[in-house]
Amino acid sequence: MVDAYHRRGIGRELLTALADRAAQRGLRTLTADVLAENVGAQALLRAVFPDGPTRRAHGVLTLTCRLPDHATRPGQGRELAVAC
């Protein structure tokens, strides 16, 4: 996101919408790869997705974010990956 738009709640809105849409489609987790020095993205992801394991390798954190539960549907258990 362009610096001028940081800290306006846009990232939170986008992540929340992404999580809701993914969960409605039967996904259970979102995996985000974030550069270790990108503390802003890490904080945002953990604010929206407070629980889930984090792995660190080669300067990249991989955060596994649990999505909200929705009615059980065929195909549930899939995963979506993004990079920040």
PDB file of N, CA and C in Angstrom:
ATOM      1  N   MET A   1       0.845  -1.166   0.000  1.00  0.00           N
ATOM      2  CA  MET A   1       0.000   0.000   0.000  1.00  0.00           C
ATOM      3  C   MET A   1       0.894   1.234   0.000  1.00  0.00           C
ATOM      4  N   VAL A   2       0.488   2.244  -0.703  1.00  0.00           N
ATOM      5  CA  VAL A   2       1.235   3.488  -0.786  1.00  0.00           C
ATOM      6  C   VAL A   2       1.309   4.128   0.603  1.00  0.00           C
ATOM      7  N   ASP A   3       2.487   4.653   0.962  1.00  0.00           N
ATOM      8  CA  ASP A   3       2.710   5.207   2.299  1.00  0.00           C
ATOM      9  C   ASP A   3       1.646   6.217   2.733  1.00  0.00           C
ATOM     10  N   ALA A   4       1.174   7.037   1.823  1.00  0.00           N
ATOM     11  CA  ALA A   4       0.195   8.068   2.164  1.00  0.00           C
ATOM     12  C   ALA A   4      -1.108   7.477   2.706  1.00  0.00           C
ATOM     13  N   TYR A   5      -1.361   6.199   2.443  1.00  0.00           N
ATOM     14  CA  TYR A   5      -2.607   5.573   2.882  1.00  0.00           C
ATOM     15  C   TYR A   5      -2.417   4.641   4.068  1.00  0.00           C
ATOM     16  N   HIS A   6      -1.207   4.595   4.630  1.00  0.00           N
ATOM     17  CA  HIS A   6      -0.973   3.775   5.822  1.00  0.00           C
ATOM     18  C   HIS A   6      -1.736   4.335   7.011  1.00  0.00           C
ATOM     19  N   ARG A   7      -2.094   3.442   7.946  1.00  0.00           N
ATOM     20  CA  ARG A   7      -2.715   3.793   9.222  1.00  0.00           C
ATOM     21  C   ARG A   7      -4.074   4.475   9.066  1.00  0.00           C
ATOM     22  N   ARG A   8      -4.811   4.086   8.033  1.00  0.00           N
ATOM     23  CA  ARG A   8      -6.163   4.620   7.831  1.00  0.00           C
ATOM     24  C   ARG A   8      -7.224   3.529   7.931  1.00  0.00           C
ATOM     25  N   GLY A   9      -6.799   2.316   8.259  1.00  0.00           N
ATOM     26  CA  GLY A   9      -7.747   1.218   8.408  1.00  0.00           C
ATOM     27  C   GLY A   9      -8.059   0.486   7.121  1.00  0.00           C
ATOM     28  N   ILE A  10      -7.427   0.889   6.018  1.00  0.00           N
ATOM     29  CA  ILE A  10      -7.717   0.265   4.724  1.00  0.00           C
ATOM     30  C   ILE A  10      -7.212  -1.172   4.692  1.00  0.00           C
ATOM     31  N   GLY A  11      -5.997  -1.387   5.174  1.00  0.00           N
ATOM     32  CA  GLY A  11      -5.435  -2.741   5.203  1.00  0.00           C
ATOM     33  C   GLY A  11      -6.275  -3.679   6.046  1.00  0.00           C
ATOM     34  N   ARG A  12      -6.733  -3.204   7.189  1.00  0.00           N
ATOM     35  CA  ARG A  12      -7.589  -4.014   8.070  1.00  0.00           C
ATOM     36  C   ARG A  12      -8.893  -4.378   7.354  1.00  0.00           C
ATOM     37  N   GLU A  13      -9.492  -3.395   6.684  1.00  0.00           N
ATOM     38  CA  GLU A  13     -10.738  -3.651   5.946  1.00  0.00           C
ATOM     39  C   GLU A  13     -10.510  -4.692   4.840  1.00  0.00           C
ATOM     40  N   LEU A  14      -9.408  -4.545   4.109  1.00  0.00           N
ATOM     41  CA  LEU A  14      -9.104  -5.487   3.033  1.00  0.00           C
ATOM     42  C   LEU A  14      -8.866  -6.894   3.568  1.00  0.00           C
ATOM     43  N   LEU A  15      -8.085  -7.008   4.644  1.00  0.00           N
ATOM     44  CA  LEU A  15      -7.817  -8.330   5.229  1.00  0.00           C
ATOM     45  C   LEU A  15      -9.082  -8.969   5.782  1.00  0.00           C
ATOM     46  N   THR A  16      -9.913  -8.167   6.424  1.00  0.00           N
ATOM     47  CA  THR A  16     -11.162  -8.691   6.976  1.00  0.00           C
ATOM     48  C   THR A  16     -12.077  -9.181   5.858  1.00  0.00           C
ATOM     49  N   ALA A  17     -12.182  -8.415   4.782  1.00  0.00           N
ATOM     50  CA  ALA A  17     -13.006  -8.827   3.637  1.00  0.00           C
ATOM     51  C   ALA A  17     -12.445 -10.089   2.990  1.00  0.00           C
ATOM     52  N   LEU A  18     -11.122 -10.154   2.841  1.00  0.00           N
ATOM     53  CA  LEU A  18     -10.479 -11.335   2.279  1.00  0.00           C
ATOM     54  C   LEU A  18     -10.762 -12.558   3.144  1.00  0.00           C
ATOM     55  N   ALA A  19     -10.621 -12.408   4.448  1.00  0.00           N
ATOM     56  CA  ALA A  19     -10.860 -13.519   5.369  1.00  0.00           C
ATOM     57  C   ALA A  19     -12.306 -13.997   5.291  1.00  0.00           C
ATOM     58  N   ASP A  20     -13.239 -13.058   5.270  1.00  0.00           N
ATOM     59  CA  ASP A  20     -14.656 -13.431   5.196  1.00  0.00           C
ATOM     60  C   ASP A  20     -14.967 -14.157   3.895  1.00  0.00           C
ATOM     61  N   ARG A  21     -14.478 -13.632   2.792  1.00  0.00           N
ATOM     62  CA  ARG A  21     -14.736 -14.250   1.481  1.00  0.00           C
ATOM     63  C   ARG A  21     -14.107 -15.645   1.410  1.00  0.00           C
ATOM     64  N   ALA A  22     -12.879 -15.760   1.884  1.00  0.00           N
ATOM     65  CA  ALA A  22     -12.183 -17.054   1.855  1.00  0.00           C
ATOM     66  C   ALA A  22     -12.910 -18.074   2.722  1.00  0.00           C
ATOM     67  N   ALA A  23     -13.339 -17.663   3.909  1.00  0.00           N
ATOM     68  CA  ALA A  23     -14.053 -18.575   4.807  1.00  0.00           C
ATOM     69  C   ALA A  23     -15.390 -19.000   4.203  1.00  0.00           C
ATOM     70  N   GLN A  24     -16.095 -18.092   3.551  1.00  0.00           N
ATOM     71  CA  GLN A  24     -17.360 -18.426   2.908  1.00  0.00           C
ATOM     72  C   GLN A  24     -17.163 -19.461   1.806  1.00  0.00           C
ATOM     73  N   ARG A  25     -15.987 -19.445   1.208  1.00  0.00           N
ATOM     74  CA  ARG A  25     -15.682 -20.395   0.132  1.00  0.00           C
ATOM     75  C   ARG A  25     -15.088 -21.695   0.653  1.00  0.00           C
ATOM     76  N   GLY A  26     -15.026 -21.834   1.972  1.00  0.00           N
ATOM     77  CA  GLY A  26     -14.602 -23.091   2.559  1.00  0.00           C
ATOM     78  C   GLY A  26     -13.153 -23.179   2.983  1.00  0.00           C
ATOM     79  N   LEU A  27     -12.403 -22.097   2.876  1.00  0.00           N
ATOM     80  CA  LEU A  27     -11.023 -22.140   3.327  1.00  0.00           C
ATOM     81  C   LEU A  27     -10.969 -21.981   4.841  1.00  0.00           C
ATOM     82  N   ARG A  28      -9.966 -22.590   5.451  1.00  0.00           N
ATOM     83  CA  ARG A  28      -9.819 -22.520   6.900  1.00  0.00           C
ATOM     84  C   ARG A  28      -8.640 -21.673   7.347  1.00  0.00           C
ATOM     85  N   THR A  29      -7.635 -21.546   6.507  1.00  0.00           N
ATOM     86  CA  THR A  29      -6.463 -20.763   6.893  1.00  0.00           C
ATOM     87  C   THR A  29      -5.990 -19.884   5.747  1.00  0.00           C
ATOM     88  N   LEU A  30      -5.299 -18.831   6.126  1.00  0.00           N
ATOM     89  CA  LEU A  30      -4.617 -17.954   5.197  1.00  0.00           C
ATOM     90  C   LEU A  30      -3.160 -17.956   5.648  1.00  0.00           C
ATOM     91  N   THR A  31      -2.241 -18.150   4.732  1.00  0.00           N
ATOM     92  CA  THR A  31      -0.821 -18.141   5.062  1.00  0.00           C
ATOM     93  C   THR A  31      -0.191 -16.909   4.431  1.00  0.00           C
ATOM     94  N   ALA A  32       0.471 -16.109   5.254  1.00  0.00           N
ATOM     95  CA  ALA A  32       1.080 -14.876   4.780  1.00  0.00           C
ATOM     96  C   ALA A  32       2.583 -14.932   4.988  1.00  0.00           C
ATOM     97  N   ASP A  33       3.338 -14.662   3.937  1.00  0.00           N
ATOM     98  CA  ASP A  33       4.785 -14.522   4.027  1.00  0.00           C
ATOM     99  C   ASP A  33       5.099 -13.036   4.129  1.00  0.00           C
ATOM    100  N   VAL A  34       5.779 -12.658   5.208  1.00  0.00           N
ATOM    101  CA  VAL A  34       6.058 -11.256   5.491  1.00  0.00           C
ATOM    102  C   VAL A  34       7.553 -11.105   5.772  1.00  0.00           C
ATOM    103  N   LEU A  35       8.176 -10.108   5.166  1.00  0.00           N
ATOM    104  CA  LEU A  35       9.576  -9.848   5.478  1.00  0.00           C
ATOM    105  C   LEU A  35       9.713  -9.553   6.972  1.00  0.00           C
ATOM    106  N   ALA A  36      10.760 -10.077   7.589  1.00  0.00           N
ATOM    107  CA  ALA A  36      10.955  -9.929   9.034  1.00  0.00           C
ATOM    108  C   ALA A  36      10.980  -8.465   9.455  1.00  0.00           C
ATOM    109  N   GLU A  37      11.487  -7.580   8.601  1.00  0.00           N
ATOM    110  CA  GLU A  37      11.564  -6.165   8.977  1.00  0.00           C
ATOM    111  C   GLU A  37      10.242  -5.418   8.782  1.00  0.00           C
ATOM    112  N   ASN A  38       9.252  -6.043   8.180  1.00  0.00           N
ATOM    113  CA  ASN A  38       7.960  -5.390   7.951  1.00  0.00           C
ATOM    114  C   ASN A  38       7.065  -5.570   9.174  1.00  0.00           C
ATOM    115  N   VAL A  39       7.419  -4.864  10.251  1.00  0.00           N
ATOM    116  CA  VAL A  39       6.694  -5.018  11.507  1.00  0.00           C
ATOM    117  C   VAL A  39       5.261  -4.486  11.406  1.00  0.00           C
ATOM    118  N   GLY A  40       5.031  -3.523  10.540  1.00  0.00           N
ATOM    119  CA  GLY A  40       3.675  -3.002  10.357  1.00  0.00           C
ATOM    120  C   GLY A  40       2.736  -4.064   9.812  1.00  0.00           C
ATOM    121  N   ALA A  41       3.179  -4.795   8.790  1.00  0.00           N
ATOM    122  CA  ALA A  41       2.354  -5.863   8.219  1.00  0.00           C
ATOM    123  C   ALA A  41       2.154  -6.981   9.232  1.00  0.00           C
ATOM    124  N   GLN A  42       3.187  -7.305   9.992  1.00  0.00           N
ATOM    125  CA  GLN A  42       3.062  -8.341  11.015  1.00  0.00           C
ATOM    126  C   GLN A  42       2.021  -7.946  12.060  1.00  0.00           C
ATOM    127  N   ALA A  43       2.092  -6.701  12.511  1.00  0.00           N
ATOM    128  CA  ALA A  43       1.150  -6.219  13.524  1.00  0.00           C
ATOM    129  C   ALA A  43      -0.278  -6.229  12.990  1.00  0.00           C
ATOM    130  N   LEU A  44      -0.451  -5.806  11.752  1.00  0.00           N
ATOM    131  CA  LEU A  44      -1.784  -5.802  11.148  1.00  0.00           C
ATOM    132  C   LEU A  44      -2.343  -7.216  11.045  1.00  0.00           C
ATOM    133  N   LEU A  45      -1.528  -8.144  10.544  1.00  0.00           N
ATOM    134  CA  LEU A  45      -1.991  -9.531  10.417  1.00  0.00           C
ATOM    135  C   LEU A  45      -2.365 -10.117  11.769  1.00  0.00           C
ATOM    136  N   ARG A  46      -1.567  -9.859  12.795  1.00  0.00           N
ATOM    137  CA  ARG A  46      -1.868 -10.401  14.124  1.00  0.00           C
ATOM    138  C   ARG A  46      -3.048  -9.681  14.785  1.00  0.00           C
ATOM    139  N   ALA A  47      -3.306  -8.443  14.407  1.00  0.00           N
ATOM    140  CA  ALA A  47      -4.486  -7.749  14.938  1.00  0.00           C
ATOM    141  C   ALA A  47      -5.761  -8.349  14.360  1.00  0.00           C
ATOM    142  N   VAL A  48      -5.717  -8.706  13.078  1.00  0.00           N
ATOM    143  CA  VAL A  48      -6.890  -9.277  12.408  1.00  0.00           C
ATOM    144  C   VAL A  48      -7.008 -10.770  12.697  1.00  0.00           C
ATOM    145  N   PHE A  49      -5.863 -11.454  12.755  1.00  0.00           N
ATOM    146  CA  PHE A  49      -5.810 -12.909  12.992  1.00  0.00           C
ATOM    147  C   PHE A  49      -4.944 -13.163  14.220  1.00  0.00           C
ATOM    148  N   PRO A  50      -5.510 -13.081  15.427  1.00  0.00           N
ATOM    149  CA  PRO A  50      -4.697 -13.127  16.639  1.00  0.00           C
ATOM    150  C   PRO A  50      -4.048 -14.465  16.970  1.00  0.00           C
ATOM    151  N   ASP A  51      -4.538 -15.554  16.407  1.00  0.00           N
ATOM    152  CA  ASP A  51      -3.908 -16.831  16.747  1.00  0.00           C
ATOM    153  C   ASP A  51      -3.477 -17.585  15.501  1.00  0.00           C
ATOM    154  N   GLY A  52      -2.506 -18.427  15.684  1.00  0.00           N
ATOM    155  CA  GLY A  52      -1.959 -19.207  14.589  1.00  0.00           C
ATOM    156  C   GLY A  52      -0.448 -19.204  14.667  1.00  0.00           C
ATOM    157  N   PRO A  53       0.178 -20.265  14.216  1.00  0.00           N
ATOM    158  CA  PRO A  53       1.627 -20.379  14.325  1.00  0.00           C
ATOM    159  C   PRO A  53       2.382 -19.447  13.381  1.00  0.00           C
ATOM    160  N   THR A  54       3.607 -19.135  13.775  1.00  0.00           N
ATOM    161  CA  THR A  54       4.510 -18.323  12.964  1.00  0.00           C
ATOM    162  C   THR A  54       5.818 -19.088  12.798  1.00  0.00           C
ATOM    163  N   ARG A  55       6.327 -19.107  11.582  1.00  0.00           N
ATOM    164  CA  ARG A  55       7.615 -19.726  11.271  1.00  0.00           C
ATOM    165  C   ARG A  55       8.544 -18.660  10.717  1.00  0.00           C
ATOM    166  N   ARG A  56       9.840 -18.777  11.003  1.00  0.00           N
ATOM    167  CA  ARG A  56      10.810 -17.820  10.478  1.00  0.00           C
ATOM    168  C   ARG A  56      11.917 -18.573   9.763  1.00  0.00           C
ATOM    169  N   ALA A  57      12.228 -18.136   8.540  1.00  0.00           N
ATOM    170  CA  ALA A  57      13.323 -18.740   7.776  1.00  0.00           C
ATOM    171  C   ALA A  57      13.830 -17.717   6.768  1.00  0.00           C
ATOM    172  N   HIS A  58      15.124 -17.498   6.756  1.00  0.00           N
ATOM    173  CA  HIS A  58      15.784 -16.660   5.753  1.00  0.00           C
ATOM    174  C   HIS A  58      15.203 -15.245   5.687  1.00  0.00           C
ATOM    175  N   GLY A  59      14.905 -14.657   6.847  1.00  0.00           N
ATOM    176  CA  GLY A  59      14.418 -13.284   6.884  1.00  0.00           C
ATOM    177  C   GLY A  59      12.953 -13.111   6.529  1.00  0.00           C
ATOM    178  N   VAL A  60      12.225 -14.226   6.436  1.00  0.00           N
ATOM    179  CA  VAL A  60      10.798 -14.171   6.108  1.00  0.00           C
ATOM    180  C   VAL A  60      10.018 -14.879   7.203  1.00  0.00           C
ATOM    181  N   LEU A  61       8.964 -14.228   7.679  1.00  0.00           N
ATOM    182  CA  LEU A  61       8.049 -14.862   8.624  1.00  0.00           C
ATOM    183  C   LEU A  61       6.871 -15.410   7.849  1.00  0.00           C
ATOM    184  N   THR A  62       6.487 -16.628   8.164  1.00  0.00           N
ATOM    185  CA  THR A  62       5.297 -17.225   7.581  1.00  0.00           C
ATOM    186  C   THR A  62       4.269 -17.333   8.691  1.00  0.00           C
ATOM    187  N   LEU A  63       3.206 -16.555   8.580  1.00  0.00           N
ATOM    188  CA  LEU A  63       2.140 -16.544   9.578  1.00  0.00           C
ATOM    189  C   LEU A  63       0.966 -17.350   9.043  1.00  0.00           C
ATOM    190  N   THR A  64       0.519 -18.304   9.813  1.00  0.00           N
ATOM    191  CA  THR A  64      -0.665 -19.064   9.456  1.00  0.00           C
ATOM    192  C   THR A  64      -1.829 -18.475  10.239  1.00  0.00           C
ATOM    193  N   CYS A  65      -2.805 -17.955   9.530  1.00  0.00           N
ATOM    194  CA  CYS A  65      -3.924 -17.232  10.132  1.00  0.00           C
ATOM    195  C   CYS A  65      -5.186 -18.068  10.020  1.00  0.00           C
ATOM    196  N   ARG A  66      -5.795 -18.347  11.150  1.00  0.00           N
ATOM    197  CA  ARG A  66      -7.046 -19.115  11.144  1.00  0.00           C
ATOM    198  C   ARG A  66      -8.199 -18.191  10.761  1.00  0.00           C
ATOM    199  N   LEU A  67      -9.038 -18.676   9.865  1.00  0.00           N
ATOM    200  CA  LEU A  67     -10.165 -17.886   9.377  1.00  0.00           C
ATOM    201  C   LEU A  67     -11.395 -18.140  10.238  1.00  0.00           C
ATOM    202  N   PRO A  68     -12.361 -17.220  10.201  1.00  0.00           N
ATOM    203  CA  PRO A  68     -13.588 -17.411  10.966  1.00  0.00           C
ATOM    204  C   PRO A  68     -14.321 -18.668  10.512  1.00  0.00           C
ATOM    205  N   ASP A  69     -14.981 -19.334  11.458  1.00  0.00           N
ATOM    206  CA  ASP A  69     -15.759 -20.525  11.119  1.00  0.00           C
ATOM    207  C   ASP A  69     -17.042 -20.136  10.410  1.00  0.00           C
ATOM    208  N   HIS A  70     -17.360 -20.883   9.364  1.00  0.00           N
ATOM    209  CA  HIS A  70     -18.631 -20.751   8.660  1.00  0.00           C
ATOM    210  C   HIS A  70     -19.222 -22.149   8.549  1.00  0.00           C
ATOM    211  N   ALA A  71     -20.430 -22.262   8.086  1.00  0.00           N
ATOM    212  CA  ALA A  71     -21.074 -23.572   7.948  1.00  0.00           C
ATOM    213  C   ALA A  71     -20.175 -24.514   7.145  1.00  0.00           C
ATOM    214  N   THR A  72     -20.138 -25.766   7.556  1.00  0.00           N
ATOM    215  CA  THR A  72     -19.331 -26.764   6.857  1.00  0.00           C
ATOM    216  C   THR A  72     -19.824 -26.907   5.427  1.00  0.00           C
ATOM    217  N   ARG A  73     -18.867 -26.866   4.500  1.00  0.00           N
ATOM    218  CA  ARG A  73     -19.189 -26.974   3.080  1.00  0.00           C
ATOM    219  C   ARG A  73     -18.204 -27.925   2.437  1.00  0.00           C
ATOM    220  N   PRO A  74     -18.575 -28.518   1.308  1.00  0.00           N
ATOM    221  CA  PRO A  74     -17.620 -29.364   0.601  1.00  0.00           C
ATOM    222  C   PRO A  74     -16.362 -28.571   0.250  1.00  0.00           C
ATOM    223  N   GLY A  75     -15.211 -29.223   0.354  1.00  0.00           N
ATOM    224  CA  GLY A  75     -13.955 -28.574  -0.002  1.00  0.00           C
ATOM    225  C   GLY A  75     -13.319 -27.826   1.150  1.00  0.00           C
ATOM    226  N   GLN A  76     -13.953 -27.854   2.316  1.00  0.00           N
ATOM    227  CA  GLN A  76     -13.404 -27.141   3.452  1.00  0.00           C
ATOM    228  C   GLN A  76     -12.039 -27.714   3.819  1.00  0.00           C
ATOM    229  N   GLY A  77     -11.162 -26.865   4.317  1.00  0.00           N
ATOM    230  CA  GLY A  77      -9.835 -27.300   4.711  1.00  0.00           C
ATOM    231  C   GLY A  77      -8.761 -26.804   3.774  1.00  0.00           C
ATOM    232  N   ARG A  78      -9.135 -26.080   2.741  1.00  0.00           N
ATOM    233  CA  ARG A  78      -8.152 -25.532   1.812  1.00  0.00           C
ATOM    234  C   ARG A  78      -7.472 -24.322   2.415  1.00  0.00           C
ATOM    235  N   GLU A  79      -6.432 -23.858   1.742  1.00  0.00           N
ATOM    236  CA  GLU A  79      -5.623 -22.762   2.240  1.00  0.00           C
ATOM    237  C   GLU A  79      -5.380 -21.730   1.158  1.00  0.00           C
ATOM    238  N   LEU A  80      -5.250 -20.471   1.553  1.00  0.00           N
ATOM    239  CA  LEU A  80      -4.931 -19.375   0.657  1.00  0.00           C
ATOM    240  C   LEU A  80      -3.624 -18.765   1.110  1.00  0.00           C
ATOM    241  N   ALA A  81      -2.708 -18.499   0.178  1.00  0.00           N
ATOM    242  CA  ALA A  81      -1.417 -17.911   0.531  1.00  0.00           C
ATOM    243  C   ALA A  81      -1.270 -16.534  -0.097  1.00  0.00           C
ATOM    244  N   VAL A  82      -0.705 -15.590   0.670  1.00  0.00           N
ATOM    245  CA  VAL A  82      -0.425 -14.245   0.182  1.00  0.00           C
ATOM    246  C   VAL A  82       0.983 -13.856   0.629  1.00  0.00           C
ATOM    247  N   ALA A  83       1.533 -12.836   0.035  1.00  0.00           N
ATOM    248  CA  ALA A  83       2.852 -12.338   0.427  1.00  0.00           C
ATOM    249  C   ALA A  83       2.761 -10.835   0.697  1.00  0.00           C
ATOM    250  N   CYS A  84       3.442 -10.388   1.739  1.00  0.00           N
ATOM    251  CA  CYS A  84       3.457  -8.959   2.087  1.00  0.00           C
ATOM    252  C   CYS A  84       4.890  -8.467   2.063  1.00  0.00           C
TER     253      CYS A  84
END
